[in-house]
């Protein structure tokens, strides 16, 4: 669904997709992603925050009305 460039590291980007994940890439090695953030539903948008260690995701709206806006720590994807 989208991509966003890291605000401080020019060769890193994050992509959001229909496969329920956000993947982090180094464009110098385009065939292999650096890490993956698995989600429960498709991810509509993923954007880095201005303070560069955060990532905001917007999930595809679901009928259950779950939280669709989440803030992640890119250095620890479990938080």
Protein backbone atom coordinates (compact mmCIF):
# COMPACT_ATOMS: atom_id res chain seq x y z
CA UNK A 1 0.00 0.00 0.00
CA UNK A 2 2.84 2.40 0.60
CA UNK A 3 6.37 3.21 1.55
CA UNK A 4 8.21 5.77 3.63
CA UNK A 5 11.91 6.68 3.77
CA UNK A 6 13.70 6.72 7.13
CA UNK A 7 14.20 10.36 8.19
CA UNK A 8 17.85 9.91 9.22
CA UNK A 9 19.21 6.93 7.25
CA UNK A 10 18.83 7.63 3.55
CA UNK A 11 19.07 4.02 2.33
CA UNK A 12 16.40 2.56 4.68
CA UNK A 13 12.68 2.47 3.93
CA UNK A 14 9.54 0.82 5.27
CA UNK A 15 6.74 -0.67 3.17
CA UNK A 16 3.19 -1.46 4.20
CA UNK A 17 1.08 -4.05 2.46
CA UNK A 18 -1.98 -6.21 2.18
CA UNK A 19 -0.06 -9.22 3.54
CA UNK A 20 -0.49 -8.00 7.16
CA UNK A 21 3.05 -6.73 7.54
CA UNK A 22 5.44 -3.81 7.48
CA UNK A 23 8.83 -4.66 6.01
CA UNK A 24 12.02 -2.67 6.49
CA UNK A 25 14.43 -2.53 3.53
CA UNK A 26 17.91 -1.35 2.66
CA UNK A 27 17.73 -0.34 -1.01
CA UNK A 28 21.37 -1.34 -1.43
CA UNK A 29 20.21 -4.97 -0.91
CA UNK A 30 16.79 -4.98 -2.60
CA UNK A 31 16.21 -8.76 -2.65
CA UNK A 32 16.16 -9.22 1.14
CA UNK A 33 14.27 -7.23 3.77
CA UNK A 34 16.01 -6.22 7.01
CA UNK A 35 13.15 -7.02 9.37
CA UNK A 36 9.41 -7.50 9.42
CA UNK A 37 6.65 -6.23 11.68
CA UNK A 38 3.81 -8.78 11.56
CA UNK A 39 0.32 -7.37 12.11
CA UNK A 40 -3.13 -8.88 12.58
CA UNK A 41 -4.71 -7.06 9.63
CA UNK A 42 -3.52 -5.43 6.38
CA UNK A 43 -1.50 -2.25 6.89
CA UNK A 44 -2.77 0.74 4.94
CA UNK A 45 0.07 3.19 5.75
CA UNK A 46 3.32 3.13 7.70
CA UNK A 47 5.15 6.38 8.40
CA UNK A 48 8.28 7.14 10.37
CA UNK A 49 7.88 9.67 13.16
CA UNK A 50 10.01 12.86 13.21
CA UNK A 51 12.08 11.43 16.09
CA UNK A 52 13.17 8.53 13.80
CA UNK A 53 12.88 5.61 16.24
CA UNK A 54 9.09 5.53 15.92
CA UNK A 55 6.77 4.22 13.24
CA UNK A 56 3.05 4.91 13.00
CA UNK A 57 0.86 2.36 11.25
CA UNK A 58 -2.69 2.76 10.00
CA UNK A 59 -4.50 -0.53 9.62
CA UNK A 60 -7.12 -1.22 6.97
CA UNK A 61 -10.50 -0.49 8.61
CA UNK A 62 -12.25 -3.59 9.87
CA UNK A 63 -15.86 -4.11 10.85
CA UNK A 64 -14.84 -4.86 14.46
CA UNK A 65 -13.59 -1.27 14.91
CA UNK A 66 -10.26 -2.30 16.46
CA UNK A 67 -7.56 0.27 17.07
CA UNK A 68 -6.36 1.21 13.62
CA UNK A 69 -3.62 3.70 14.56
CA UNK A 70 -0.59 2.23 16.32
CA UNK A 71 2.82 3.61 17.34
CA UNK A 72 5.84 1.25 17.23
CA UNK A 73 9.45 1.47 18.39
CA UNK A 74 11.55 0.49 15.33
CA UNK A 75 14.45 -0.59 17.53
CA UNK A 76 12.20 -3.05 19.40
CA UNK A 77 9.28 -4.10 17.21
CA UNK A 78 7.54 -5.78 20.15
CA UNK A 79 6.77 -2.37 21.70
